[in-house]
Amino acid sequence: MYSDLFAKNDAILVMSGSNRRYFSDFDCSFGCVILTQEKKFLLTDFRYAAAAREKTEGIEVVSTAPDRLYDDVRRILASAKAKNVGFEDEYVSVAANKILKKELADYTLRALGPELSSLRIVKTEEEIAKIRRAQEITETALTKTLSLLKAGVSEKDMSAELAYQFMTLGDGLAFDSIVAFGENSADCHHVAGDRKLERGDIVLFDIGAKYRGYCADMTRTFCFGEPSQKLSDLYLLVLSAQQYVLKHLKAGVTGREADSMAREFFKANGYDSEFGHSLGHGVGIDIHEEPRLSASCDMPLPENAVVTVEPGLYIEGFGGVRIEDLVVVKKDDIENLTNYDKSLII
């Protein structure tokens, strides 16, 4: 899976939390993973060591502590006869880099950067299964939460209910839920507040559960009651833009091209600045991963990348509409992991 990393490296030192999770299949707030051509090692402290031994396979768990972490790192590197050590320059701060160079002064350090992070772009079938389950939990949680929606409830009420459902059905939230009523839906990353629901309000949910370390992401926009003609027209335009992208998205399309599909669709219908964010992003261990469906991404989408498709239009003082699905990129099309209804009226 990652044998190419050893073309110029004898060992790989993995420090970031997300990459530790990727290579060990275990979450912990302290430690590192060391990869050699023969073995994998997870170094962590007493808080996690016992659980890591119980829950992981194919990796040697080493119990360490902050004051002896690099002693254990050097011991393992020496046993592997390593001389060249790759590390994650994208995740190492200036201060941490100084420590790394000091503690591993006897080794040649090679910055890996994209070589390491790009491994996570193409998902395995096991990873896709976890993301699919996270998405199923997300949809179940939204259905349960919508049953409590009534005039007078607040954004905070709905956000709290979603958090409860995600914790009950899965492993918690993939990110802080966005719950926005009325004019607040024009704020793409609105923080749920005390705004109470009124008849005729836009209701926007941007939510995602987490399951066994993997995230889901979905947005649905509703109207609580009968929508105005302006809202109906706006919603139909966003839905049409998303359907257009979903129909044409496949492996080999670049992130820029995918983003342009929705952007040009909106421009042709009289909207330009109202679509102020990119079309989508990768999802996996982190809620925002590569690849990006944006104007700055010229990378062709590979088969089995998992990405969001989330066009939206936002009008300050009125509200916004965003519709987001989570899809697996395939050779000739996509597999949509999102099965939630796209009706405007609830």
C-alpha atoms as a PDB file:
ATOM      1  CA  MET A   1       0.000   0.000   0.000  1.00  0.00           C
ATOM      2  CA  TYR A   2       2.805   2.426   0.827  1.00  0.00           C
ATOM      3  CA  SER A   3       5.886   0.564  -0.411  1.00  0.00           C
ATOM      4  CA  ASP A   4       6.819   3.499  -2.697  1.00  0.00           C
ATOM      5  CA  LEU A   5       7.631   5.533   0.396  1.00  0.00           C
ATOM      6  CA  PHE A   6      10.680   3.352   0.981  1.00  0.00           C
ATOM      7  CA  ALA A   7      12.324   4.110  -2.346  1.00  0.00           C
ATOM      8  CA  LYS A   8      14.428   6.757  -0.591  1.00  0.00           C
ATOM      9  CA  ASN A   9      13.577   6.108   3.062  1.00  0.00           C
ATOM     10  CA  ASP A  10      14.487   3.329   5.455  1.00  0.00           C
ATOM     11  CA  ALA A  11      11.747   4.357   7.886  1.00  0.00           C
ATOM     12  CA  ILE A  12       8.843   6.801   8.130  1.00  0.00           C
ATOM     13  CA  LEU A  13       8.071   8.794  11.284  1.00  0.00           C
ATOM     14  CA  VAL A  14       4.364   9.714  11.542  1.00  0.00           C
ATOM     15  CA  MET A  15       3.500  12.339  14.167  1.00  0.00           C
ATOM     16  CA  SER A  16       0.164  13.911  13.177  1.00  0.00           C
ATOM     17  CA  GLY A  17      -3.018  12.607  14.759  1.00  0.00           C
ATOM     18  CA  SER A  18      -4.889  11.912  11.520  1.00  0.00           C
ATOM     19  CA  ASN A  19      -2.009  10.064   9.899  1.00  0.00           C
ATOM     20  CA  ARG A  20      -1.363   8.115  13.101  1.00  0.00           C
ATOM     21  CA  ARG A  21      -5.001   7.060  12.900  1.00  0.00           C
ATOM     22  CA  TYR A  22      -4.640   6.106   9.248  1.00  0.00           C
ATOM     23  CA  PHE A  23      -1.610   3.878   9.733  1.00  0.00           C
ATOM     24  CA  SER A  24      -2.570   2.361  13.106  1.00  0.00           C
ATOM     25  CA  ASP A  25      -6.403   2.332  12.994  1.00  0.00           C
ATOM     26  CA  PHE A  26      -6.305   3.755  16.522  1.00  0.00           C
ATOM     27  CA  ASP A  27      -7.024   7.196  17.984  1.00  0.00           C
ATOM     28  CA  CYS A  28      -4.760   8.666  20.643  1.00  0.00           C
ATOM     29  CA  SER A  29      -3.744  12.194  21.603  1.00  0.00           C
ATOM     30  CA  PHE A  30      -0.062  11.382  22.084  1.00  0.00           C
ATOM     31  CA  GLY A  31       2.523   9.334  20.299  1.00  0.00           C
ATOM     32  CA  CYS A  32       3.783   8.455  16.856  1.00  0.00           C
ATOM     33  CA  VAL A  33       3.842   5.669  14.299  1.00  0.00           C
ATOM     34  CA  ILE A  34       7.055   4.325  12.817  1.00  0.00           C
ATOM     35  CA  LEU A  35       6.871   2.490   9.505  1.00  0.00           C
ATOM     36  CA  THR A  36       9.654   0.239   8.303  1.00  0.00           C
ATOM     37  CA  GLN A  37       9.645  -2.158   5.379  1.00  0.00           C
ATOM     38  CA  GLU A  38       9.135  -5.076   7.753  1.00  0.00           C
ATOM     39  CA  LYS A  39       7.016  -3.730  10.632  1.00  0.00           C
ATOM     40  CA  LYS A  40       4.772  -0.984  11.959  1.00  0.00           C
ATOM     41  CA  PHE A  41       5.101   0.455  15.465  1.00  0.00           C
ATOM     42  CA  LEU A  42       2.655   2.570  17.456  1.00  0.00           C
ATOM     43  CA  LEU A  43       4.308   4.461  20.300  1.00  0.00           C
ATOM     44  CA  THR A  44       1.901   5.874  22.870  1.00  0.00           C
ATOM     45  CA  ASP A  45       1.626   6.283  26.641  1.00  0.00           C
ATOM     46  CA  PHE A  46      -0.023   4.285  29.423  1.00  0.00           C
ATOM     47  CA  ARG A  47      -3.414   5.934  28.844  1.00  0.00           C
ATOM     48  CA  TYR A  48      -3.760   4.203  25.479  1.00  0.00           C
ATOM     49  CA  ALA A  49      -1.256   1.334  25.305  1.00  0.00           C
ATOM     50  CA  ALA A  50      -3.501  -1.420  26.692  1.00  0.00           C
ATOM     51  CA  ALA A  51      -6.463  -0.448  24.521  1.00  0.00           C
ATOM     52  CA  ALA A  52      -4.214  -0.152  21.462  1.00  0.00           C
ATOM     53  CA  ARG A  53      -2.907  -3.687  21.942  1.00  0.00           C
ATOM     54  CA  GLU A  54      -6.460  -4.960  22.238  1.00  0.00           C
ATOM     55  CA  LYS A  55      -7.947  -3.084  19.279  1.00  0.00           C
ATOM     56  CA  THR A  56      -5.187  -3.077  16.654  1.00  0.00           C
ATOM     57  CA  GLU A  57      -3.753  -5.772  14.430  1.00  0.00           C
ATOM     58  CA  GLY A  58      -0.481  -5.991  12.545  1.00  0.00           C
ATOM     59  CA  ILE A  59       1.237  -3.280  14.534  1.00  0.00           C
ATOM     60  CA  GLU A  60       3.563  -3.484  17.538  1.00  0.00           C
ATOM     61  CA  VAL A  61       2.421  -1.218  20.371  1.00  0.00           C
ATOM     62  CA  VAL A  62       5.207   0.337  22.413  1.00  0.00           C
ATOM     63  CA  SER A  63       4.399   1.970  25.745  1.00  0.00           C
ATOM     64  CA  THR A  64       6.371   5.176  26.135  1.00  0.00           C
ATOM     65  CA  ALA A  65       6.095   8.637  27.738  1.00  0.00           C
ATOM     66  CA  PRO A  66       6.728  12.229  26.638  1.00  0.00           C
ATOM     67  CA  ASP A  67      10.138  12.373  28.303  1.00  0.00           C
ATOM     68  CA  ARG A  68      11.392   9.214  26.623  1.00  0.00           C
ATOM     69  CA  LEU A  69       9.543   9.234  23.305  1.00  0.00           C
ATOM     70  CA  TYR A  70      12.595  10.027  21.204  1.00  0.00           C
ATOM     71  CA  ASP A  71      14.707   7.501  23.127  1.00  0.00           C
ATOM     72  CA  ASP A  72      12.256   4.841  21.994  1.00  0.00           C
ATOM     73  CA  VAL A  73      12.125   6.263  18.466  1.00  0.00           C
ATOM     74  CA  ARG A  74      15.903   6.083  18.176  1.00  0.00           C
ATOM     75  CA  ARG A  75      15.925   2.535  19.564  1.00  0.00           C
ATOM     76  CA  ILE A  76      13.445   1.349  16.949  1.00  0.00           C
ATOM     77  CA  LEU A  77      15.222   3.157  14.124  1.00  0.00           C
ATOM     78  CA  ALA A  78      18.515   1.600  15.224  1.00  0.00           C
ATOM     79  CA  SER A  79      16.996  -1.883  15.308  1.00  0.00           C
ATOM     80  CA  ALA A  80      15.736  -1.326  11.758  1.00  0.00           C
ATOM     81  CA  LYS A  81      19.220  -0.142  10.712  1.00  0.00           C
ATOM     82  CA  ALA A  82      17.595   3.012   9.375  1.00  0.00           C
ATOM     83  CA  LYS A  83      19.654   5.915   8.091  1.00  0.00           C
ATOM     84  CA  ASN A  84      17.159   7.906   6.029  1.00  0.00           C
ATOM     85  CA  VAL A  85      13.945   8.843   7.850  1.00  0.00           C
ATOM     86  CA  GLY A  86      10.937  10.426   6.172  1.00  0.00           C
ATOM     87  CA  PHE A  87       8.755  12.816   8.168  1.00  0.00           C
ATOM     88  CA  GLU A  88       5.576  14.907   7.674  1.00  0.00           C
ATOM     89  CA  ASP A  89       6.804  18.397   6.971  1.00  0.00           C
ATOM     90  CA  GLU A  90       3.217  19.567   6.354  1.00  0.00           C
ATOM     91  CA  TYR A  91       2.299  18.926   9.992  1.00  0.00           C
ATOM     92  CA  VAL A  92       5.494  19.872  11.836  1.00  0.00           C
ATOM     93  CA  SER A  93       5.718  23.341  13.375  1.00  0.00           C
ATOM     94  CA  VAL A  94       8.944  25.342  13.435  1.00  0.00           C
ATOM     95  CA  ALA A  95       9.437  24.470  17.113  1.00  0.00           C
ATOM     96  CA  ALA A  96       8.737  20.768  16.547  1.00  0.00           C
ATOM     97  CA  ASN A  97      11.095  20.747  13.565  1.00  0.00           C
ATOM     98  CA  LYS A  98      13.913  22.046  15.752  1.00  0.00           C
ATOM     99  CA  ILE A  99      13.279  19.263  18.267  1.00  0.00           C
ATOM    100  CA  LEU A 100      13.097  16.670  15.505  1.00  0.00           C
ATOM    101  CA  LYS A 101      16.438  17.739  14.026  1.00  0.00           C
ATOM    102  CA  LYS A 102      18.062  17.765  17.448  1.00  0.00           C
ATOM    103  CA  GLU A 103      16.703  14.413  18.613  1.00  0.00           C
ATOM    104  CA  LEU A 104      17.397  12.667  15.289  1.00  0.00           C
ATOM    105  CA  ALA A 105      20.666  14.420  14.469  1.00  0.00           C
ATOM    106  CA  ASP A 106      22.314  11.110  13.521  1.00  0.00           C
ATOM    107  CA  TYR A 107      19.754  10.469  10.761  1.00  0.00           C
ATOM    108  CA  THR A 108      19.115  11.997   7.365  1.00  0.00           C
ATOM    109  CA  LEU A 109      15.633  13.504   7.523  1.00  0.00           C
ATOM    110  CA  ARG A 110      13.546  13.690   4.347  1.00  0.00           C
ATOM    111  CA  ALA A 111      10.401  15.799   4.103  1.00  0.00           C
ATOM    112  CA  LEU A 112       7.583  13.706   2.644  1.00  0.00           C
ATOM    113  CA  GLY A 113       4.767  16.234   2.378  1.00  0.00           C
ATOM    114  CA  PRO A 114       2.287  15.263  -0.346  1.00  0.00           C
ATOM    115  CA  GLU A 115       3.847  11.802  -0.755  1.00  0.00           C
ATOM    116  CA  LEU A 116       2.345  10.801   2.581  1.00  0.00           C
ATOM    117  CA  SER A 117      -0.905  12.740   2.614  1.00  0.00           C
ATOM    118  CA  SER A 118      -1.786  11.612  -0.933  1.00  0.00           C
ATOM    119  CA  LEU A 119      -1.999   8.018   0.274  1.00  0.00           C
ATOM    120  CA  ARG A 120      -5.285   8.874   1.990  1.00  0.00           C
ATOM    121  CA  ILE A 121      -6.985  10.193  -1.154  1.00  0.00           C
ATOM    122  CA  VAL A 122      -7.873   6.777  -2.592  1.00  0.00           C
ATOM    123  CA  LYS A 123     -10.057   4.913  -0.128  1.00  0.00           C
ATOM    124  CA  THR A 124     -10.035   1.164   0.419  1.00  0.00           C
ATOM    125  CA  GLU A 125     -13.278  -0.807   0.427  1.00  0.00           C
ATOM    126  CA  GLU A 126     -13.005  -1.018   4.220  1.00  0.00           C
ATOM    127  CA  GLU A 127     -12.694   2.751   4.495  1.00  0.00           C
ATOM    128  CA  ILE A 128     -15.632   3.295   2.153  1.00  0.00           C
ATOM    129  CA  ALA A 129     -17.727   0.895   4.241  1.00  0.00           C
ATOM    130  CA  LYS A 130     -17.024   2.957   7.368  1.00  0.00           C
ATOM    131  CA  ILE A 131     -17.870   6.214   5.601  1.00  0.00           C
ATOM    132  CA  ARG A 132     -21.055   4.641   4.216  1.00  0.00           C
ATOM    133  CA  ARG A 133     -22.079   3.620   7.741  1.00  0.00           C
ATOM    134  CA  ALA A 134     -21.301   7.113   9.061  1.00  0.00           C
ATOM    135  CA  GLN A 135     -23.547   8.520   6.340  1.00  0.00           C
ATOM    136  CA  GLU A 136     -26.359   6.111   7.219  1.00  0.00           C
ATOM    137  CA  ILE A 137     -26.125   7.235  10.845  1.00  0.00           C
ATOM    138  CA  THR A 138     -26.220  10.877   9.719  1.00  0.00           C
ATOM    139  CA  GLU A 139     -29.423  10.317   7.791  1.00  0.00           C
ATOM    140  CA  THR A 140     -31.096   8.410  10.630  1.00  0.00           C
ATOM    141  CA  ALA A 141     -30.132  11.157  13.080  1.00  0.00           C
ATOM    142  CA  LEU A 142     -31.615  13.855  10.835  1.00  0.00           C
ATOM    143  CA  THR A 143     -34.894  11.949  10.477  1.00  0.00           C
ATOM    144  CA  LYS A 144     -35.181  11.608  14.249  1.00  0.00           C
ATOM    145  CA  THR A 145     -34.326  15.272  14.761  1.00  0.00           C
ATOM    146  CA  LEU A 146     -36.789  16.540  12.159  1.00  0.00           C
ATOM    147  CA  SER A 147     -39.604  14.814  14.059  1.00  0.00           C
ATOM    148  CA  LEU A 148     -39.017  17.360  16.846  1.00  0.00           C
ATOM    149  CA  LEU A 149     -39.028  20.398  14.584  1.00  0.00           C
ATOM    150  CA  LYS A 150     -41.838  22.810  15.459  1.00  0.00           C
ATOM    151  CA  ALA A 151     -42.452  26.535  15.763  1.00  0.00           C
ATOM    152  CA  GLY A 152     -40.580  27.991  18.704  1.00  0.00           C
ATOM    153  CA  VAL A 153     -37.652  25.542  18.866  1.00  0.00           C
ATOM    154  CA  SER A 154     -34.232  27.144  18.597  1.00  0.00           C
ATOM    155  CA  GLU A 155     -31.218  26.359  16.443  1.00  0.00           C
ATOM    156  CA  LYS A 156     -29.423  25.305  19.624  1.00  0.00           C
ATOM    157  CA  ASP A 157     -32.251  22.883  20.462  1.00  0.00           C
ATOM    158  CA  MET A 158     -31.860  21.120  17.127  1.00  0.00           C
ATOM    159  CA  SER A 159     -28.065  21.139  17.316  1.00  0.00           C
ATOM    160  CA  ALA A 160     -28.182  19.534  20.760  1.00  0.00           C
ATOM    161  CA  GLU A 161     -30.591  16.864  19.544  1.00  0.00           C
ATOM    162  CA  LEU A 162     -28.324  16.033  16.630  1.00  0.00           C
ATOM    163  CA  ALA A 163     -25.322  15.700  18.960  1.00  0.00           C
ATOM    164  CA  TYR A 164     -27.323  13.292  21.129  1.00  0.00           C
ATOM    165  CA  GLN A 165     -28.377  11.223  18.117  1.00  0.00           C
ATOM    166  CA  PHE A 166     -24.848  11.044  16.710  1.00  0.00           C
ATOM    167  CA  MET A 167     -23.465   9.892  20.045  1.00  0.00           C
ATOM    168  CA  THR A 168     -26.249   7.347  20.507  1.00  0.00           C
ATOM    169  CA  LEU A 169     -26.145   5.913  16.991  1.00  0.00           C
ATOM    170  CA  GLY A 170     -22.425   6.246  16.230  1.00  0.00           C
ATOM    171  CA  ASP A 171     -19.231   7.683  17.664  1.00  0.00           C
ATOM    172  CA  GLY A 172     -20.214  11.332  17.868  1.00  0.00           C
ATOM    173  CA  LEU A 173     -19.948  14.320  15.546  1.00  0.00           C
ATOM    174  CA  ALA A 174     -17.620  14.539  12.568  1.00  0.00           C
ATOM    175  CA  PHE A 175     -17.750  18.342  13.009  1.00  0.00           C
ATOM    176  CA  ASP A 176     -19.855  20.929  14.793  1.00  0.00           C
ATOM    177  CA  SER A 177     -23.321  20.798  13.245  1.00  0.00           C
ATOM    178  CA  ILE A 178     -24.483  23.802  11.249  1.00  0.00           C
ATOM    179  CA  VAL A 179     -28.147  24.490  12.031  1.00  0.00           C
ATOM    180  CA  ALA A 180     -29.487  27.728  10.577  1.00  0.00           C
ATOM    181  CA  PHE A 181     -33.011  29.154  10.466  1.00  0.00           C
ATOM    182  CA  GLY A 182     -34.301  31.871   8.160  1.00  0.00           C
ATOM    183  CA  GLU A 183     -31.846  34.576   7.199  1.00  0.00           C
ATOM    184  CA  ASN A 184     -29.070  32.799   9.148  1.00  0.00           C
ATOM    185  CA  SER A 185     -28.864  30.209   6.373  1.00  0.00           C
ATOM    186  CA  ALA A 186     -27.017  32.801   4.253  1.00  0.00           C
ATOM    187  CA  ASP A 187     -24.056  32.343   6.644  1.00  0.00           C
ATOM    188  CA  CYS A 188     -22.236  29.294   5.233  1.00  0.00           C
ATOM    189  CA  HIS A 189     -20.655  28.347   8.570  1.00  0.00           C
ATOM    190  CA  HIS A 190     -23.327  29.652  10.899  1.00  0.00           C
ATOM    191  CA  VAL A 191     -23.007  28.756  14.581  1.00  0.00           C
ATOM    192  CA  ALA A 192     -26.330  27.630  16.071  1.00  0.00           C
ATOM    193  CA  GLY A 193     -27.821  30.283  18.320  1.00  0.00           C
ATOM    194  CA  ASP A 194     -31.059  31.281  20.015  1.00  0.00           C
ATOM    195  CA  ARG A 195     -32.945  32.052  16.795  1.00  0.00           C
ATOM    196  CA  LYS A 196     -36.370  30.402  17.088  1.00  0.00           C
ATOM    197  CA  LEU A 197     -38.165  28.712  14.227  1.00  0.00           C
ATOM    198  CA  GLU A 198     -41.070  30.471  12.578  1.00  0.00           C
ATOM    199  CA  ARG A 199     -43.522  29.379   9.920  1.00  0.00           C
ATOM    200  CA  GLY A 200     -42.078  29.915   6.426  1.00  0.00           C
ATOM    201  CA  ASP A 201     -38.443  29.839   7.607  1.00  0.00           C
ATOM    202  CA  ILE A 202     -35.589  28.274   5.669  1.00  0.00           C
ATOM    203  CA  VAL A 203     -34.091  25.431   7.735  1.00  0.00           C
ATOM    204  CA  LEU A 204     -30.537  24.392   6.810  1.00  0.00           C
ATOM    205  CA  PHE A 205     -28.716  21.403   8.322  1.00  0.00           C
ATOM    206  CA  ASP A 206     -25.051  20.748   7.474  1.00  0.00           C
ATOM    207  CA  ILE A 207     -24.214  17.700   9.565  1.00  0.00           C
ATOM    208  CA  GLY A 208     -22.116  14.554   9.799  1.00  0.00           C
ATOM    209  CA  ALA A 209     -21.624  11.596  12.102  1.00  0.00           C
ATOM    210  CA  LYS A 210     -18.406   9.800  12.847  1.00  0.00           C
ATOM    211  CA  TYR A 211     -18.066   6.024  12.776  1.00  0.00           C
ATOM    212  CA  ARG A 212     -14.917   4.084  13.670  1.00  0.00           C
ATOM    213  CA  GLY A 213     -12.712   7.043  12.912  1.00  0.00           C
ATOM    214  CA  TYR A 214     -14.348   8.071   9.624  1.00  0.00           C
ATOM    215  CA  CYS A 215     -16.592  11.025   8.834  1.00  0.00           C
ATOM    216  CA  ALA A 216     -19.788  11.713   6.921  1.00  0.00           C
ATOM    217  CA  ASP A 217     -20.991  15.044   5.567  1.00  0.00           C
ATOM    218  CA  MET A 218     -24.427  16.073   4.275  1.00  0.00           C
ATOM    219  CA  THR A 219     -26.443  19.266   3.853  1.00  0.00           C
ATOM    220  CA  ARG A 220     -30.170  19.535   3.391  1.00  0.00           C
ATOM    221  CA  THR A 221     -32.193  22.721   3.088  1.00  0.00           C
ATOM    222  CA  PHE A 222     -35.906  22.772   3.902  1.00  0.00           C
ATOM    223  CA  CYS A 223     -38.738  25.229   4.293  1.00  0.00           C
ATOM    224  CA  PHE A 224     -40.851  25.028   7.432  1.00  0.00           C
ATOM    225  CA  GLY A 225     -44.182  25.593   5.793  1.00  0.00           C
ATOM    226  CA  GLU A 226     -45.027  26.938   2.361  1.00  0.00           C
ATOM    227  CA  PRO A 227     -41.979  28.390   0.567  1.00  0.00           C
ATOM    228  CA  SER A 228     -42.032  31.702  -1.260  1.00  0.00           C
ATOM    229  CA  GLN A 229     -41.610  31.686  -5.027  1.00  0.00           C
ATOM    230  CA  LYS A 230     -38.146  33.180  -4.586  1.00  0.00           C
ATOM    231  CA  LEU A 231     -37.075  30.331  -2.317  1.00  0.00           C
ATOM    232  CA  SER A 232     -38.622  27.698  -4.585  1.00  0.00           C
ATOM    233  CA  ASP A 233     -36.773  29.089  -7.593  1.00  0.00           C
ATOM    234  CA  LEU A 234     -33.486  29.323  -5.697  1.00  0.00           C
ATOM    235  CA  TYR A 235     -33.827  25.775  -4.427  1.00  0.00           C
ATOM    236  CA  LEU A 236     -34.617  24.353  -7.859  1.00  0.00           C
ATOM    237  CA  LEU A 237     -31.565  26.092  -9.313  1.00  0.00           C
ATOM    238  CA  VAL A 238     -29.217  24.663  -6.651  1.00  0.00           C
ATOM    239  CA  LEU A 239     -30.733  21.209  -7.040  1.00  0.00           C
ATOM    240  CA  SER A 240     -30.362  21.376 -10.834  1.00  0.00           C
ATOM    241  CA  ALA A 241     -26.734  22.453 -10.504  1.00  0.00           C
ATOM    242  CA  GLN A 242     -25.990  19.547  -8.201  1.00  0.00           C
ATOM    243  CA  GLN A 243     -27.754  17.060 -10.469  1.00  0.00           C
ATOM    244  CA  TYR A 244     -25.718  18.350 -13.416  1.00  0.00           C
ATOM    245  CA  VAL A 245     -22.427  17.832 -11.576  1.00  0.00           C
ATOM    246  CA  LEU A 246     -23.412  14.400 -10.264  1.00  0.00           C
ATOM    247  CA  LYS A 247     -24.268  13.311 -13.798  1.00  0.00           C
ATOM    248  CA  HIS A 248     -20.864  14.327 -15.197  1.00  0.00           C
ATOM    249  CA  LEU A 249     -18.513  13.612 -12.289  1.00  0.00           C
ATOM    250  CA  LYS A 250     -16.118  10.674 -12.739  1.00  0.00           C
ATOM    251  CA  ALA A 251     -12.481   9.682 -12.381  1.00  0.00           C
ATOM    252  CA  GLY A 252     -10.170  11.882 -14.429  1.00  0.00           C
ATOM    253  CA  VAL A 253     -12.218  15.063 -14.007  1.00  0.00           C
ATOM    254  CA  THR A 254     -10.093  17.658 -12.223  1.00  0.00           C
ATOM    255  CA  GLY A 255     -11.205  19.470  -9.102  1.00  0.00           C
ATOM    256  CA  ARG A 256     -11.188  22.712 -11.102  1.00  0.00           C
ATOM    257  CA  GLU A 257     -13.402  21.213 -13.818  1.00  0.00           C
ATOM    258  CA  ALA A 258     -15.894  19.871 -11.284  1.00  0.00           C
ATOM    259  CA  ASP A 259     -16.108  23.227  -9.518  1.00  0.00           C
ATOM    260  CA  SER A 260     -16.546  24.983 -12.854  1.00  0.00           C
ATOM    261  CA  MET A 261     -19.529  22.803 -13.756  1.00  0.00           C
ATOM    262  CA  ALA A 262     -21.568  24.266 -10.902  1.00  0.00           C
ATOM    263  CA  ARG A 263     -20.080  27.772 -11.103  1.00  0.00           C
ATOM    264  CA  GLU A 264     -20.800  28.179 -14.823  1.00  0.00           C
ATOM    265  CA  PHE A 265     -24.270  26.709 -14.345  1.00  0.00           C
ATOM    266  CA  PHE A 266     -25.052  29.420 -11.783  1.00  0.00           C
ATOM    267  CA  LYS A 267     -23.534  32.187 -13.939  1.00  0.00           C
ATOM    268  CA  ALA A 268     -25.672  31.116 -16.883  1.00  0.00           C
ATOM    269  CA  ASN A 269     -28.701  31.598 -14.649  1.00  0.00           C
ATOM    270  CA  GLY A 270     -27.761  35.039 -13.355  1.00  0.00           C
ATOM    271  CA  TYR A 271     -25.834  34.158 -10.184  1.00  0.00           C
ATOM    272  CA  ASP A 272     -22.124  34.716  -9.656  1.00  0.00           C
ATOM    273  CA  SER A 273     -20.925  36.050  -6.296  1.00  0.00           C
ATOM    274  CA  GLU A 274     -23.727  34.209  -4.458  1.00  0.00           C
ATOM    275  CA  PHE A 275     -21.718  30.955  -4.766  1.00  0.00           C
ATOM    276  CA  GLY A 276     -18.810  31.947  -2.577  1.00  0.00           C
ATOM    277  CA  HIS A 277     -17.247  28.627  -1.617  1.00  0.00           C
ATOM    278  CA  SER A 278     -15.807  25.695  -3.550  1.00  0.00           C
ATOM    279  CA  LEU A 279     -17.940  22.835  -4.820  1.00  0.00           C
ATOM    280  CA  GLY A 280     -16.609  20.183  -2.464  1.00  0.00           C
ATOM    281  CA  HIS A 281     -13.792  18.422  -0.673  1.00  0.00           C
ATOM    282  CA  GLY A 282     -12.478  15.009   0.216  1.00  0.00           C
ATOM    283  CA  VAL A 283     -13.829  13.246   3.312  1.00  0.00           C
ATOM    284  CA  GLY A 284     -12.281  10.462   5.361  1.00  0.00           C
ATOM    285  CA  ILE A 285     -10.552  10.469   8.723  1.00  0.00           C
ATOM    286  CA  ASP A 286     -10.752  14.270   8.563  1.00  0.00           C
ATOM    287  CA  ILE A 287     -13.879  16.101   7.481  1.00  0.00           C
ATOM    288  CA  HIS A 288     -11.805  18.153   5.020  1.00  0.00           C
ATOM    289  CA  GLU A 289      -9.202  16.192   3.092  1.00  0.00           C
ATOM    290  CA  GLU A 290      -7.720  16.117  -0.377  1.00  0.00           C
ATOM    291  CA  PRO A 291      -8.837  16.197  -3.115  1.00  0.00           C
ATOM    292  CA  ARG A 292     -10.553  19.567  -3.341  1.00  0.00           C
ATOM    293  CA  LEU A 293     -13.278  20.330  -5.856  1.00  0.00           C
ATOM    294  CA  SER A 294     -12.173  23.928  -6.265  1.00  0.00           C
ATOM    295  CA  ALA A 295     -10.804  26.387  -8.792  1.00  0.00           C
ATOM    296  CA  SER A 296      -7.298  25.885  -7.357  1.00  0.00           C
ATOM    297  CA  CYS A 297      -7.160  22.087  -7.791  1.00  0.00           C
ATOM    298  CA  ASP A 298      -5.878  20.764 -11.116  1.00  0.00           C
ATOM    299  CA  MET A 299      -5.482  17.196  -9.857  1.00  0.00           C
ATOM    300  CA  PRO A 300      -7.573  14.610 -11.728  1.00  0.00           C
ATOM    301  CA  LEU A 301      -9.917  12.831  -9.345  1.00  0.00           C
ATOM    302  CA  PRO A 302      -8.827   9.231  -8.851  1.00  0.00           C
ATOM    303  CA  GLU A 303     -11.187   6.288  -8.661  1.00  0.00           C
ATOM    304  CA  ASN A 304     -12.394   5.600  -5.098  1.00  0.00           C
ATOM    305  CA  ALA A 305     -11.796   9.106  -3.825  1.00  0.00           C
ATOM    306  CA  VAL A 306     -14.683  10.143  -1.537  1.00  0.00           C
ATOM    307  CA  VAL A 307     -15.803  13.740  -2.032  1.00  0.00           C
ATOM    308  CA  THR A 308     -18.702  16.059  -1.286  1.00  0.00           C
ATOM    309  CA  VAL A 309     -20.737  17.788  -3.980  1.00  0.00           C
ATOM    310  CA  GLU A 310     -22.281  20.842  -2.318  1.00  0.00           C
ATOM    311  CA  PRO A 311     -23.310  23.745  -4.549  1.00  0.00           C
ATOM    312  CA  GLY A 312     -25.044  26.607  -2.794  1.00  0.00           C
ATOM    313  CA  LEU A 313     -26.441  30.109  -3.248  1.00  0.00           C
ATOM    314  CA  TYR A 314     -26.528  32.648  -0.413  1.00  0.00           C
ATOM    315  CA  ILE A 315     -28.359  35.973  -0.317  1.00  0.00           C
ATOM    316  CA  GLU A 316     -27.657  38.164   2.694  1.00  0.00           C
ATOM    317  CA  GLY A 317     -30.813  39.185   4.529  1.00  0.00           C
ATOM    318  CA  PHE A 318     -32.862  36.482   2.812  1.00  0.00           C
ATOM    319  CA  GLY A 319     -31.128  33.161   3.354  1.00  0.00           C
ATOM    320  CA  GLY A 320     -29.225  30.441   1.593  1.00  0.00           C
ATOM    321  CA  VAL A 321     -29.708  27.065  -0.036  1.00  0.00           C
ATOM    322  CA  ARG A 322     -27.076  24.334  -0.006  1.00  0.00           C
ATOM    323  CA  ILE A 323     -27.557  20.713  -1.024  1.00  0.00           C
ATOM    324  CA  GLU A 324     -24.677  18.354  -0.273  1.00  0.00           C
ATOM    325  CA  ASP A 325     -24.178  14.696  -1.131  1.00  0.00           C
ATOM    326  CA  LEU A 326     -21.248  12.424  -0.306  1.00  0.00           C
ATOM    327  CA  VAL A 327     -20.055  10.364  -3.266  1.00  0.00           C
ATOM    328  CA  VAL A 328     -17.424   7.816  -4.254  1.00  0.00           C
ATOM    329  CA  VAL A 329     -15.708   8.666  -7.540  1.00  0.00           C
ATOM    330  CA  LYS A 330     -15.790   5.757  -9.978  1.00  0.00           C
ATOM    331  CA  LYS A 331     -14.211   5.133 -13.392  1.00  0.00           C
ATOM    332  CA  ASP A 332     -17.227   6.233 -15.422  1.00  0.00           C
ATOM    333  CA  ASP A 333     -19.545   7.835 -12.849  1.00  0.00           C
ATOM    334  CA  ILE A 334     -20.044   8.094  -9.081  1.00  0.00           C
ATOM    335  CA  GLU A 335     -21.581   6.030  -6.302  1.00  0.00           C
ATOM    336  CA  ASN A 336     -23.761   8.303  -4.194  1.00  0.00           C
ATOM    337  CA  LEU A 337     -23.565   7.354  -0.520  1.00  0.00           C
ATOM    338  CA  THR A 338     -26.322   9.840   0.310  1.00  0.00           C
ATOM    339  CA  ASN A 339     -29.890   8.598   0.100  1.00  0.00           C
ATOM    340  CA  TYR A 340     -31.731  11.347   1.934  1.00  0.00           C
ATOM    341  CA  ASP A 341     -34.767  12.941   0.281  1.00  0.00           C
ATOM    342  CA  LYS A 342     -34.296  16.333  -1.400  1.00  0.00           C
ATOM    343  CA  SER A 343     -37.754  17.757  -0.930  1.00  0.00           C
ATOM    344  CA  LEU A 344     -37.857  21.415   0.046  1.00  0.00           C
ATOM    345  CA  ILE A 345     -41.029  21.343   2.138  1.00  0.00           C
ATOM    346  CA  ILE A 346     -41.151  19.592   5.523  1.00  0.00           C
END
